[in-house]
Amino acid sequence: FKRRGVMPSMIGGEEVELLNDSHYEKIRTMCGVSLSDLSQDLFHFDNLEKGGGKGGSLMQFTKDGRLLVKQLSGDDQQSLEEWYASYSERVTADNGESLLARFFFHFRRPHDDKYYVVMNSVFPAESLDTVWDLKGCADDKLVRDNGKSVAQVHKRWFMLHWLVSEATSGCLLPQERNEYKEGKTRARTETFKLESEDFSAVTHSVRRDVHWLRECGLMDYSLIVGILRRDCNADGSPPEFPPGGVGMPNQPYVMVEGKRATAYYIGIIDYLQGWTGGKKCAHIIKVLFAPKPISTIEPGAYADQFLNANDRRFKTAPPRPKPSGGG
């Protein structure tokens, strides 16, 4: 291989070209991930499917749910090629306190000449009660509620009957559209209570991660928050919750209120988008027509908007009461 930093290897039964792998190896070592996690028994390229996001990238979880293989867009590929060394330093610093989703492999698949990453899920394999996708703007949304996925029913300019209905009573809108809109409305003001130590850890990590993203000129990323709720034990102590995704230490963050415990799984995802010519054009269009505040703004302004929203969103919970009984 003539290209710098390329190493042949096998993923899902196919030969691929690992890129800049000495840097990703540091992350894998910290998180306990290896090529055996991507054997043909656990992953196969034939199972790749389009994801639910706007980009429609091909992706697939391994059978055990630990890792996600995802095709990269051209912009994401360019960003990762530029920032891989700095990224590796950021996510391995301070015993991995970063909330950035982890990339374990970056590779080219000769079969289709496309580029992919192998990454973690911020969340455990267990189904969550609630999931929020939050950018600090009008794109904030509820992804999962009461244990069920919320259909992402977007409005488009050519749906004139929807435009008229939303401007009046909303009676002509499908139920799924109304539920999606309600979730977006809730997302604007949703807050999360964390115990004092966890509050400090999360807000510190978010600020350090966003500082790195700002320095790299990246924008349009999301804070993703997953929630599980369970009854406390008889003595008032919190129940056992599943740990966070691979490489997300100290998660979940558990908060007890009365006889209920809430577990939060928190990470930053979709952070490889640079301030490209396409994004600059989209900015002009959104300034004119999209609900405010918008997400398509230059990286420095995006970072400020994101941090300001999180400052409003996270709250410190009262000290946890001590379990009763037991001498």
C-alpha atoms as a PDB file:
ATOM      1  CA  PHE A   1       0.000   0.000   0.000  1.00  0.00           C
ATOM      2  CA  LYS A   2       1.428   3.354  -1.019  1.00  0.00           C
ATOM      3  CA  ARG A   3      -0.837   5.517   1.081  1.00  0.00           C
ATOM      4  CA  ARG A   4       0.656   6.628   4.416  1.00  0.00           C
ATOM      5  CA  GLY A   5      -0.767   4.973   7.507  1.00  0.00           C
ATOM      6  CA  VAL A   6      -2.618   2.151   5.668  1.00  0.00           C
ATOM      7  CA  MET A   7      -2.594  -1.415   6.989  1.00  0.00           C
ATOM      8  CA  PRO A   8      -4.433  -4.456   5.570  1.00  0.00           C
ATOM      9  CA  SER A   9      -6.731  -6.337   7.920  1.00  0.00           C
ATOM     10  CA  MET A  10      -9.944  -8.392   8.033  1.00  0.00           C
ATOM     11  CA  ILE A  11     -13.351  -7.084   9.113  1.00  0.00           C
ATOM     12  CA  GLY A  12     -16.552  -9.058   8.661  1.00  0.00           C
ATOM     13  CA  GLY A  13     -14.773 -11.655   6.539  1.00  0.00           C
ATOM     14  CA  GLU A  14     -13.447  -9.078   4.042  1.00  0.00           C
ATOM     15  CA  GLU A  15     -10.001  -7.593   3.612  1.00  0.00           C
ATOM     16  CA  VAL A  16     -10.024  -3.867   4.353  1.00  0.00           C
ATOM     17  CA  GLU A  17      -7.420  -1.115   4.648  1.00  0.00           C
ATOM     18  CA  LEU A  18      -7.100   0.304   8.165  1.00  0.00           C
ATOM     19  CA  LEU A  19      -6.173   3.987   8.181  1.00  0.00           C
ATOM     20  CA  ASN A  20      -3.869   5.666  10.723  1.00  0.00           C
ATOM     21  CA  ASP A  21      -4.416   2.683  12.976  1.00  0.00           C
ATOM     22  CA  SER A  22      -1.695   3.368  15.531  1.00  0.00           C
ATOM     23  CA  HIS A  23      -3.868   6.222  16.853  1.00  0.00           C
ATOM     24  CA  TYR A  24      -7.081   4.180  16.998  1.00  0.00           C
ATOM     25  CA  GLU A  25      -5.189   1.330  18.645  1.00  0.00           C
ATOM     26  CA  LYS A  26      -4.686   3.585  21.686  1.00  0.00           C
ATOM     27  CA  ILE A  27      -8.457   4.029  21.950  1.00  0.00           C
ATOM     28  CA  ARG A  28      -9.121   0.305  21.504  1.00  0.00           C
ATOM     29  CA  THR A  29      -6.600  -0.562  24.203  1.00  0.00           C
ATOM     30  CA  MET A  30      -8.246   1.850  26.629  1.00  0.00           C
ATOM     31  CA  CYS A  31     -11.732   0.496  25.848  1.00  0.00           C
ATOM     32  CA  GLY A  32     -11.013  -3.224  25.470  1.00  0.00           C
ATOM     33  CA  VAL A  33     -11.914  -3.532  21.773  1.00  0.00           C
ATOM     34  CA  SER A  34     -10.152  -5.731  19.206  1.00  0.00           C
ATOM     35  CA  LEU A  35     -10.601  -7.114  15.686  1.00  0.00           C
ATOM     36  CA  SER A  36     -12.202 -10.231  17.162  1.00  0.00           C
ATOM     37  CA  ASP A  37     -15.228  -8.043  17.957  1.00  0.00           C
ATOM     38  CA  LEU A  38     -15.738  -7.737  14.185  1.00  0.00           C
ATOM     39  CA  SER A  39     -15.475 -11.364  13.147  1.00  0.00           C
ATOM     40  CA  GLN A  40     -17.788 -12.712  10.465  1.00  0.00           C
ATOM     41  CA  ASP A  41     -19.897 -14.297  13.213  1.00  0.00           C
ATOM     42  CA  LEU A  42     -20.675 -10.845  14.642  1.00  0.00           C
ATOM     43  CA  PHE A  43     -20.751  -8.621  11.549  1.00  0.00           C
ATOM     44  CA  HIS A  44     -21.200  -8.912   7.802  1.00  0.00           C
ATOM     45  CA  PHE A  45     -21.232  -6.126   5.213  1.00  0.00           C
ATOM     46  CA  ASP A  46     -24.298  -7.625   3.524  1.00  0.00           C
ATOM     47  CA  ASN A  47     -26.339  -6.553   6.564  1.00  0.00           C
ATOM     48  CA  LEU A  48     -25.591  -2.841   6.214  1.00  0.00           C
ATOM     49  CA  GLU A  49     -28.731  -0.700   5.981  1.00  0.00           C
ATOM     50  CA  LYS A  50     -29.506   2.974   5.614  1.00  0.00           C
ATOM     51  CA  GLY A  51     -29.774   4.745   8.949  1.00  0.00           C
ATOM     52  CA  GLY A  52     -32.637   6.965  10.014  1.00  0.00           C
ATOM     53  CA  GLY A  53     -30.720  10.250   9.815  1.00  0.00           C
ATOM     54  CA  LYS A  54     -30.913  12.835   7.058  1.00  0.00           C
ATOM     55  CA  GLY A  55     -27.649  11.612   5.516  1.00  0.00           C
ATOM     56  CA  GLY A  56     -28.913   8.069   5.013  1.00  0.00           C
ATOM     57  CA  SER A  57     -25.474   6.503   5.588  1.00  0.00           C
ATOM     58  CA  LEU A  58     -25.192   2.721   5.600  1.00  0.00           C
ATOM     59  CA  MET A  59     -24.718   1.282   9.081  1.00  0.00           C
ATOM     60  CA  GLN A  60     -25.137  -1.867  11.135  1.00  0.00           C
ATOM     61  CA  PHE A  61     -24.611  -2.910  14.752  1.00  0.00           C
ATOM     62  CA  THR A  62     -22.654  -6.055  15.487  1.00  0.00           C
ATOM     63  CA  LYS A  63     -24.834  -8.944  16.638  1.00  0.00           C
ATOM     64  CA  ASP A  64     -23.911  -8.369  20.291  1.00  0.00           C
ATOM     65  CA  GLY A  65     -24.878  -4.681  20.012  1.00  0.00           C
ATOM     66  CA  ARG A  66     -21.483  -3.459  21.259  1.00  0.00           C
ATOM     67  CA  LEU A  67     -20.183  -1.786  18.095  1.00  0.00           C
ATOM     68  CA  LEU A  68     -21.584   0.102  15.119  1.00  0.00           C
ATOM     69  CA  VAL A  69     -20.084  -0.027  11.615  1.00  0.00           C
ATOM     70  CA  LYS A  70     -20.994   3.145   9.714  1.00  0.00           C
ATOM     71  CA  GLN A  71     -20.222   4.426   6.232  1.00  0.00           C
ATOM     72  CA  LEU A  72     -18.722   7.931   6.163  1.00  0.00           C
ATOM     73  CA  SER A  73     -19.884  10.812   4.002  1.00  0.00           C
ATOM     74  CA  GLY A  74     -17.271  12.720   2.036  1.00  0.00           C
ATOM     75  CA  ASP A  75     -17.217  15.588   4.553  1.00  0.00           C
ATOM     76  CA  ASP A  76     -16.900  13.224   7.519  1.00  0.00           C
ATOM     77  CA  GLN A  77     -14.100  11.299   5.817  1.00  0.00           C
ATOM     78  CA  GLN A  78     -12.189  14.521   5.169  1.00  0.00           C
ATOM     79  CA  SER A  79     -12.573  15.665   8.780  1.00  0.00           C
ATOM     80  CA  LEU A  80     -11.416  12.356  10.226  1.00  0.00           C
ATOM     81  CA  GLU A  81      -8.377  12.254   7.925  1.00  0.00           C
ATOM     82  CA  GLU A  82      -7.460  15.735   9.135  1.00  0.00           C
ATOM     83  CA  TRP A  83      -8.109  15.386  12.861  1.00  0.00           C
ATOM     84  CA  TYR A  84      -7.448  11.698  13.723  1.00  0.00           C
ATOM     85  CA  ALA A  85      -4.313  12.372  15.802  1.00  0.00           C
ATOM     86  CA  SER A  86      -5.880  15.204  17.783  1.00  0.00           C
ATOM     87  CA  TYR A  87      -9.065  13.157  18.201  1.00  0.00           C
ATOM     88  CA  SER A  88      -7.145  10.219  19.649  1.00  0.00           C
ATOM     89  CA  GLU A  89      -5.449  12.510  22.156  1.00  0.00           C
ATOM     90  CA  ARG A  90      -8.762  14.039  23.209  1.00  0.00           C
ATOM     91  CA  VAL A  91     -10.691  10.810  23.881  1.00  0.00           C
ATOM     92  CA  THR A  92      -7.792   9.107  25.702  1.00  0.00           C
ATOM     93  CA  ALA A  93      -7.001  12.095  27.943  1.00  0.00           C
ATOM     94  CA  ASP A  94      -7.844  12.012  31.669  1.00  0.00           C
ATOM     95  CA  ASN A  95      -8.753   8.309  31.690  1.00  0.00           C
ATOM     96  CA  GLY A  96     -11.259   8.724  28.866  1.00  0.00           C
ATOM     97  CA  GLU A  97     -13.511  11.329  30.527  1.00  0.00           C
ATOM     98  CA  SER A  98     -14.540  12.718  27.117  1.00  0.00           C
ATOM     99  CA  LEU A  99     -18.191  12.324  26.099  1.00  0.00           C
ATOM    100  CA  LEU A 100     -17.312  12.095  22.390  1.00  0.00           C
ATOM    101  CA  ALA A 101     -18.490   8.840  20.799  1.00  0.00           C
ATOM    102  CA  ARG A 102     -15.499   6.515  20.317  1.00  0.00           C
ATOM    103  CA  PHE A 103     -14.041   5.540  16.935  1.00  0.00           C
ATOM    104  CA  PHE A 104     -12.144   2.242  17.148  1.00  0.00           C
ATOM    105  CA  PHE A 105     -11.309   1.630  13.481  1.00  0.00           C
ATOM    106  CA  HIS A 106     -11.250   3.808  10.377  1.00  0.00           C
ATOM    107  CA  PHE A 107     -10.957   1.904   7.129  1.00  0.00           C
ATOM    108  CA  ARG A 108     -11.484   1.770   3.366  1.00  0.00           C
ATOM    109  CA  ARG A 109     -13.442  -1.148   1.958  1.00  0.00           C
ATOM    110  CA  PRO A 110     -11.922  -2.046  -1.455  1.00  0.00           C
ATOM    111  CA  HIS A 111     -15.132  -3.855  -2.476  1.00  0.00           C
ATOM    112  CA  ASP A 112     -16.996  -0.542  -2.848  1.00  0.00           C
ATOM    113  CA  ASP A 113     -14.131   1.972  -2.419  1.00  0.00           C
ATOM    114  CA  LYS A 114     -16.043   3.571   0.478  1.00  0.00           C
ATOM    115  CA  TYR A 115     -14.774   4.674   3.869  1.00  0.00           C
ATOM    116  CA  TYR A 116     -16.148   3.438   7.192  1.00  0.00           C
ATOM    117  CA  VAL A 117     -15.698   3.764  10.928  1.00  0.00           C
ATOM    118  CA  VAL A 118     -16.291   1.275  13.696  1.00  0.00           C
ATOM    119  CA  MET A 119     -17.630   3.113  16.714  1.00  0.00           C
ATOM    120  CA  ASN A 120     -19.383   2.534  20.003  1.00  0.00           C
ATOM    121  CA  SER A 121     -22.937   3.176  21.004  1.00  0.00           C
ATOM    122  CA  VAL A 122     -23.199   5.662  23.850  1.00  0.00           C
ATOM    123  CA  PHE A 123     -26.116   3.588  25.138  1.00  0.00           C
ATOM    124  CA  PRO A 124     -26.337   0.049  26.521  1.00  0.00           C
ATOM    125  CA  ALA A 125     -27.898  -2.680  24.401  1.00  0.00           C
ATOM    126  CA  GLU A 126     -30.974  -2.614  26.646  1.00  0.00           C
ATOM    127  CA  SER A 127     -33.909  -0.595  25.318  1.00  0.00           C
ATOM    128  CA  LEU A 128     -34.204   2.839  26.932  1.00  0.00           C
ATOM    129  CA  ASP A 129     -37.313   4.663  28.134  1.00  0.00           C
ATOM    130  CA  THR A 130     -36.452   8.063  26.649  1.00  0.00           C
ATOM    131  CA  VAL A 131     -33.862   9.412  24.192  1.00  0.00           C
ATOM    132  CA  TRP A 132     -33.213  13.072  23.366  1.00  0.00           C
ATOM    133  CA  ASP A 133     -31.135  14.438  20.449  1.00  0.00           C
ATOM    134  CA  LEU A 134     -30.125  17.977  21.373  1.00  0.00           C
ATOM    135  CA  LYS A 135     -28.184  20.626  19.437  1.00  0.00           C
ATOM    136  CA  GLY A 136     -29.302  23.712  21.322  1.00  0.00           C
ATOM    137  CA  CYS A 137     -31.506  24.962  18.481  1.00  0.00           C
ATOM    138  CA  ALA A 138     -34.840  24.389  16.734  1.00  0.00           C
ATOM    139  CA  ASP A 139     -33.568  20.969  15.557  1.00  0.00           C
ATOM    140  CA  ASP A 140     -33.718  19.546  19.106  1.00  0.00           C
ATOM    141  CA  LYS A 141     -35.979  16.503  19.186  1.00  0.00           C
ATOM    142  CA  LEU A 142     -37.359  13.581  21.149  1.00  0.00           C
ATOM    143  CA  VAL A 143     -36.230  10.305  19.573  1.00  0.00           C
ATOM    144  CA  ARG A 144     -37.768   7.807  21.986  1.00  0.00           C
ATOM    145  CA  ASP A 145     -40.555   8.179  24.542  1.00  0.00           C
ATOM    146  CA  ASN A 146     -42.146   5.703  26.955  1.00  0.00           C
ATOM    147  CA  GLY A 147     -40.026   2.937  25.500  1.00  0.00           C
ATOM    148  CA  LYS A 148     -41.150   3.512  21.895  1.00  0.00           C
ATOM    149  CA  SER A 149     -39.443   5.227  18.972  1.00  0.00           C
ATOM    150  CA  VAL A 150     -40.895   8.587  17.926  1.00  0.00           C
ATOM    151  CA  ALA A 151     -41.422   8.672  14.151  1.00  0.00           C
ATOM    152  CA  GLN A 152     -39.311  11.456  12.590  1.00  0.00           C
ATOM    153  CA  VAL A 153     -42.042  12.974  10.404  1.00  0.00           C
ATOM    154  CA  HIS A 154     -40.479  16.032   8.789  1.00  0.00           C
ATOM    155  CA  LYS A 155     -42.350  18.863   7.131  1.00  0.00           C
ATOM    156  CA  ARG A 156     -41.343  19.706   3.559  1.00  0.00           C
ATOM    157  CA  TRP A 157     -42.014  22.873   1.561  1.00  0.00           C
ATOM    158  CA  PHE A 158     -44.217  21.070  -1.002  1.00  0.00           C
ATOM    159  CA  MET A 159     -46.654  19.804   1.666  1.00  0.00           C
ATOM    160  CA  LEU A 160     -48.904  22.853   1.387  1.00  0.00           C
ATOM    161  CA  HIS A 161     -51.810  21.272   3.287  1.00  0.00           C
ATOM    162  CA  TRP A 162     -49.470  20.649   6.231  1.00  0.00           C
ATOM    163  CA  LEU A 163     -48.266  24.244   6.150  1.00  0.00           C
ATOM    164  CA  VAL A 164     -51.833  25.514   6.256  1.00  0.00           C
ATOM    165  CA  SER A 165     -52.841  23.070   8.991  1.00  0.00           C
ATOM    166  CA  GLU A 166     -49.874  23.945  11.222  1.00  0.00           C
ATOM    167  CA  ALA A 167     -50.695  27.625  10.851  1.00  0.00           C
ATOM    168  CA  THR A 168     -54.255  26.981  12.040  1.00  0.00           C
ATOM    169  CA  SER A 169     -55.649  24.099  14.112  1.00  0.00           C
ATOM    170  CA  GLY A 170     -53.347  21.248  13.085  1.00  0.00           C
ATOM    171  CA  CYS A 171     -56.365  18.974  12.538  1.00  0.00           C
ATOM    172  CA  LEU A 172     -55.213  17.853   9.066  1.00  0.00           C
ATOM    173  CA  LEU A 173     -51.850  16.576  10.293  1.00  0.00           C
ATOM    174  CA  PRO A 174     -51.151  12.849  10.750  1.00  0.00           C
ATOM    175  CA  GLN A 175     -50.959  11.734  14.387  1.00  0.00           C
ATOM    176  CA  GLU A 176     -47.287  10.863  13.992  1.00  0.00           C
ATOM    177  CA  ARG A 177     -46.539  14.413  12.811  1.00  0.00           C
ATOM    178  CA  ASN A 178     -48.318  15.885  15.843  1.00  0.00           C
ATOM    179  CA  GLU A 179     -46.376  13.582  18.167  1.00  0.00           C
ATOM    180  CA  TYR A 180     -43.107  14.557  16.484  1.00  0.00           C
ATOM    181  CA  LYS A 181     -43.941  18.264  16.843  1.00  0.00           C
ATOM    182  CA  GLU A 182     -44.884  17.801  20.493  1.00  0.00           C
ATOM    183  CA  GLY A 183     -41.534  16.101  21.120  1.00  0.00           C
ATOM    184  CA  LYS A 184     -39.660  18.982  19.521  1.00  0.00           C
ATOM    185  CA  THR A 185     -41.580  21.464  21.665  1.00  0.00           C
ATOM    186  CA  ARG A 186     -40.698  19.510  24.813  1.00  0.00           C
ATOM    187  CA  ALA A 187     -37.049  19.336  23.738  1.00  0.00           C
ATOM    188  CA  ARG A 188     -36.724  23.128  23.867  1.00  0.00           C
ATOM    189  CA  THR A 189     -37.246  23.238  27.632  1.00  0.00           C
ATOM    190  CA  GLU A 190     -36.339  19.748  28.865  1.00  0.00           C
ATOM    191  CA  THR A 191     -33.960  19.713  31.857  1.00  0.00           C
ATOM    192  CA  PHE A 192     -31.974  16.935  33.516  1.00  0.00           C
ATOM    193  CA  LYS A 193     -31.149  16.660  37.211  1.00  0.00           C
ATOM    194  CA  LEU A 194     -27.757  15.209  38.084  1.00  0.00           C
ATOM    195  CA  GLU A 195     -26.160  14.668  41.456  1.00  0.00           C
ATOM    196  CA  SER A 196     -23.519  17.261  42.279  1.00  0.00           C
ATOM    197  CA  GLU A 197     -20.463  15.152  41.407  1.00  0.00           C
ATOM    198  CA  ASP A 198     -21.997  13.914  38.163  1.00  0.00           C
ATOM    199  CA  PHE A 199     -23.156  17.426  37.258  1.00  0.00           C
ATOM    200  CA  SER A 200     -19.576  18.677  37.599  1.00  0.00           C
ATOM    201  CA  ALA A 201     -18.168  15.755  35.609  1.00  0.00           C
ATOM    202  CA  VAL A 202     -20.649  16.064  32.733  1.00  0.00           C
ATOM    203  CA  THR A 203     -20.486  19.842  32.365  1.00  0.00           C
ATOM    204  CA  HIS A 204     -16.666  19.766  32.583  1.00  0.00           C
ATOM    205  CA  SER A 205     -16.407  17.081  29.896  1.00  0.00           C
ATOM    206  CA  VAL A 206     -18.886  18.845  27.608  1.00  0.00           C
ATOM    207  CA  ARG A 207     -16.927  22.087  27.844  1.00  0.00           C
ATOM    208  CA  ARG A 208     -13.606  20.384  27.098  1.00  0.00           C
ATOM    209  CA  ASP A 209     -15.089  18.434  24.195  1.00  0.00           C
ATOM    210  CA  VAL A 210     -16.711  21.529  22.708  1.00  0.00           C
ATOM    211  CA  HIS A 211     -13.439  23.442  23.061  1.00  0.00           C
ATOM    212  CA  TRP A 212     -11.776  20.731  20.951  1.00  0.00           C
ATOM    213  CA  LEU A 213     -14.601  20.768  18.386  1.00  0.00           C
ATOM    214  CA  ARG A 214     -14.360  24.555  18.112  1.00  0.00           C
ATOM    215  CA  GLU A 215     -10.588  24.370  17.585  1.00  0.00           C
ATOM    216  CA  CYS A 216     -11.114  21.800  14.801  1.00  0.00           C
ATOM    217  CA  GLY A 217     -13.754  23.936  13.068  1.00  0.00           C
ATOM    218  CA  LEU A 218     -16.502  21.318  13.493  1.00  0.00           C
ATOM    219  CA  MET A 219     -20.226  21.965  13.995  1.00  0.00           C
ATOM    220  CA  ASP A 220     -23.740  20.469  13.823  1.00  0.00           C
ATOM    221  CA  TYR A 221     -23.013  17.886  16.539  1.00  0.00           C
ATOM    222  CA  SER A 222     -25.585  16.610  19.039  1.00  0.00           C
ATOM    223  CA  LEU A 223     -25.721  15.874  22.724  1.00  0.00           C
ATOM    224  CA  ILE A 224     -27.603  12.605  23.009  1.00  0.00           C
ATOM    225  CA  VAL A 225     -29.241  11.737  26.325  1.00  0.00           C
ATOM    226  CA  GLY A 226     -30.740   8.314  27.049  1.00  0.00           C
ATOM    227  CA  ILE A 227     -32.818   7.668  30.157  1.00  0.00           C
ATOM    228  CA  LEU A 228     -33.876   4.597  32.125  1.00  0.00           C
ATOM    229  CA  ARG A 229     -36.208   4.849  35.137  1.00  0.00           C
ATOM    230  CA  ARG A 230     -36.704   2.192  37.807  1.00  0.00           C
ATOM    231  CA  ASP A 231     -38.052   1.837  41.335  1.00  0.00           C
ATOM    232  CA  CYS A 232     -35.524   2.073  44.140  1.00  0.00           C
ATOM    233  CA  ASN A 233     -34.698  -0.903  46.343  1.00  0.00           C
ATOM    234  CA  ALA A 234     -36.639  -1.401  49.579  1.00  0.00           C
ATOM    235  CA  ASP A 235     -33.936   0.422  51.562  1.00  0.00           C
ATOM    236  CA  GLY A 236     -34.122   3.450  49.241  1.00  0.00           C
ATOM    237  CA  SER A 237     -30.894   2.706  47.378  1.00  0.00           C
ATOM    238  CA  PRO A 238     -30.883   2.811  43.557  1.00  0.00           C
ATOM    239  CA  PRO A 239     -31.288  -0.451  41.613  1.00  0.00           C
ATOM    240  CA  GLU A 240     -28.660  -1.888  39.316  1.00  0.00           C
ATOM    241  CA  PHE A 241     -28.607  -0.261  35.868  1.00  0.00           C
ATOM    242  CA  PRO A 242     -26.770  -1.568  32.790  1.00  0.00           C
ATOM    243  CA  PRO A 243     -23.422   0.151  32.156  1.00  0.00           C
ATOM    244  CA  GLY A 244     -23.029   2.669  29.353  1.00  0.00           C
ATOM    245  CA  GLY A 245     -21.700   1.832  25.910  1.00  0.00           C
ATOM    246  CA  VAL A 246     -18.199   0.506  25.258  1.00  0.00           C
ATOM    247  CA  GLY A 247     -15.612   3.040  26.336  1.00  0.00           C
ATOM    248  CA  MET A 248     -18.015   5.378  28.161  1.00  0.00           C
ATOM    249  CA  PRO A 249     -16.664   5.250  31.738  1.00  0.00           C
ATOM    250  CA  ASN A 250     -18.651   6.026  34.878  1.00  0.00           C
ATOM    251  CA  GLN A 251     -21.989   5.756  33.096  1.00  0.00           C
ATOM    252  CA  PRO A 252     -24.830   5.813  33.749  1.00  0.00           C
ATOM    253  CA  TYR A 253     -25.193   8.842  35.983  1.00  0.00           C
ATOM    254  CA  VAL A 254     -27.847   7.834  38.516  1.00  0.00           C
ATOM    255  CA  MET A 255     -30.122  10.284  40.326  1.00  0.00           C
ATOM    256  CA  VAL A 256     -32.563   9.251  43.088  1.00  0.00           C
ATOM    257  CA  GLU A 257     -35.714  11.239  43.700  1.00  0.00           C
ATOM    258  CA  GLY A 258     -38.208   9.800  46.183  1.00  0.00           C
ATOM    259  CA  LYS A 259     -38.684   6.109  45.474  1.00  0.00           C
ATOM    260  CA  ARG A 260     -37.598   6.349  41.818  1.00  0.00           C
ATOM    261  CA  ALA A 261     -34.129   6.252  40.302  1.00  0.00           C
ATOM    262  CA  THR A 262     -33.219   7.768  36.944  1.00  0.00           C
ATOM    263  CA  ALA A 263     -30.152   6.657  34.971  1.00  0.00           C
ATOM    264  CA  TYR A 264     -28.694   9.034  32.360  1.00  0.00           C
ATOM    265  CA  TYR A 265     -26.498   7.914  29.452  1.00  0.00           C
ATOM    266  CA  ILE A 266     -24.877  10.934  27.813  1.00  0.00           C
ATOM    267  CA  GLY A 267     -22.608  11.447  24.810  1.00  0.00           C
ATOM    268  CA  ILE A 268     -21.755  13.718  21.885  1.00  0.00           C
ATOM    269  CA  ILE A 269     -22.345  12.306  18.395  1.00  0.00           C
ATOM    270  CA  ASP A 270     -22.269  13.348  14.712  1.00  0.00           C
ATOM    271  CA  TYR A 271     -19.354  15.723  15.266  1.00  0.00           C
ATOM    272  CA  LEU A 272     -17.329  15.375  12.045  1.00  0.00           C
ATOM    273  CA  GLN A 273     -19.162  18.053  10.022  1.00  0.00           C
ATOM    274  CA  GLY A 274     -16.905  20.923   8.984  1.00  0.00           C
ATOM    275  CA  TRP A 275     -17.877  24.436   7.913  1.00  0.00           C
ATOM    276  CA  THR A 276     -17.917  23.605   4.194  1.00  0.00           C
ATOM    277  CA  GLY A 277     -19.162  25.522   1.188  1.00  0.00           C
ATOM    278  CA  GLY A 278     -22.361  23.474   1.243  1.00  0.00           C
ATOM    279  CA  LYS A 279     -22.992  24.378   4.877  1.00  0.00           C
ATOM    280  CA  LYS A 280     -22.364  28.062   4.166  1.00  0.00           C
ATOM    281  CA  CYS A 281     -24.989  27.995   1.406  1.00  0.00           C
ATOM    282  CA  ALA A 282     -27.410  26.118   3.682  1.00  0.00           C
ATOM    283  CA  HIS A 283     -26.833  28.790   6.325  1.00  0.00           C
ATOM    284  CA  ILE A 284     -28.144  31.512   3.995  1.00  0.00           C
ATOM    285  CA  ILE A 285     -31.269  29.501   3.163  1.00  0.00           C
ATOM    286  CA  LYS A 286     -31.981  28.621   6.801  1.00  0.00           C
ATOM    287  CA  VAL A 287     -31.500  32.201   7.953  1.00  0.00           C
ATOM    288  CA  LEU A 288     -34.277  33.182   5.559  1.00  0.00           C
ATOM    289  CA  PHE A 289     -36.727  30.307   5.988  1.00  0.00           C
ATOM    290  CA  ALA A 290     -35.965  27.917   8.892  1.00  0.00           C
ATOM    291  CA  PRO A 291     -37.218  28.171  12.504  1.00  0.00           C
ATOM    292  CA  LYS A 292     -34.768  29.915  14.819  1.00  0.00           C
ATOM    293  CA  PRO A 293     -32.292  29.318  16.298  1.00  0.00           C
ATOM    294  CA  ILE A 294     -30.726  27.323  13.464  1.00  0.00           C
ATOM    295  CA  SER A 295     -27.986  24.701  13.619  1.00  0.00           C
ATOM    296  CA  THR A 296     -26.197  25.691  10.408  1.00  0.00           C
ATOM    297  CA  ILE A 297     -23.929  28.409  11.783  1.00  0.00           C
ATOM    298  CA  GLU A 298     -20.149  28.784  11.868  1.00  0.00           C
ATOM    299  CA  PRO A 299     -18.319  26.547  14.376  1.00  0.00           C
ATOM    300  CA  GLY A 300     -17.552  29.224  16.974  1.00  0.00           C
ATOM    301  CA  ALA A 301     -21.144  30.425  17.121  1.00  0.00           C
ATOM    302  CA  TYR A 302     -22.380  26.831  17.132  1.00  0.00           C
ATOM    303  CA  ALA A 303     -20.163  26.003  20.108  1.00  0.00           C
ATOM    304  CA  ASP A 304     -21.467  29.008  22.066  1.00  0.00           C
ATOM    305  CA  GLN A 305     -25.088  28.158  21.254  1.00  0.00           C
ATOM    306  CA  PHE A 306     -24.549  24.506  22.218  1.00  0.00           C
ATOM    307  CA  LEU A 307     -22.905  25.356  25.554  1.00  0.00           C
ATOM    308  CA  ASN A 308     -25.482  27.982  26.458  1.00  0.00           C
ATOM    309  CA  ALA A 309     -28.264  25.454  25.882  1.00  0.00           C
ATOM    310  CA  ASN A 310     -26.538  22.890  28.075  1.00  0.00           C
ATOM    311  CA  ASP A 311     -26.023  25.445  30.835  1.00  0.00           C
ATOM    312  CA  ARG A 312     -29.818  25.812  30.928  1.00  0.00           C
ATOM    313  CA  ARG A 313     -30.504  22.113  30.525  1.00  0.00           C
ATOM    314  CA  PHE A 314     -28.492  20.496  33.335  1.00  0.00           C
ATOM    315  CA  LYS A 315     -29.463  21.065  36.960  1.00  0.00           C
ATOM    316  CA  THR A 316     -27.968  19.916  40.273  1.00  0.00           C
ATOM    317  CA  ALA A 317     -30.216  17.558  42.215  1.00  0.00           C
ATOM    318  CA  PRO A 318     -30.523  17.677  46.028  1.00  0.00           C
ATOM    319  CA  PRO A 319     -28.168  15.323  47.926  1.00  0.00           C
ATOM    320  CA  ARG A 320     -29.236  11.680  47.769  1.00  0.00           C
ATOM    321  CA  PRO A 321     -30.882  10.479  51.030  1.00  0.00           C
ATOM    322  CA  LYS A 322     -29.041   7.714  52.857  1.00  0.00           C
ATOM    323  CA  PRO A 323     -30.574   4.206  52.581  1.00  0.00           C
ATOM    324  CA  SER A 324     -32.724   3.282  55.553  1.00  0.00           C
ATOM    325  CA  GLY A 325     -32.116   0.357  57.915  1.00  0.00           C
ATOM    326  CA  GLY A 326     -29.157  -1.956  57.949  1.00  0.00           C
ATOM    327  CA  GLY A 327     -27.788  -0.754  61.327  1.00  0.00           C
END
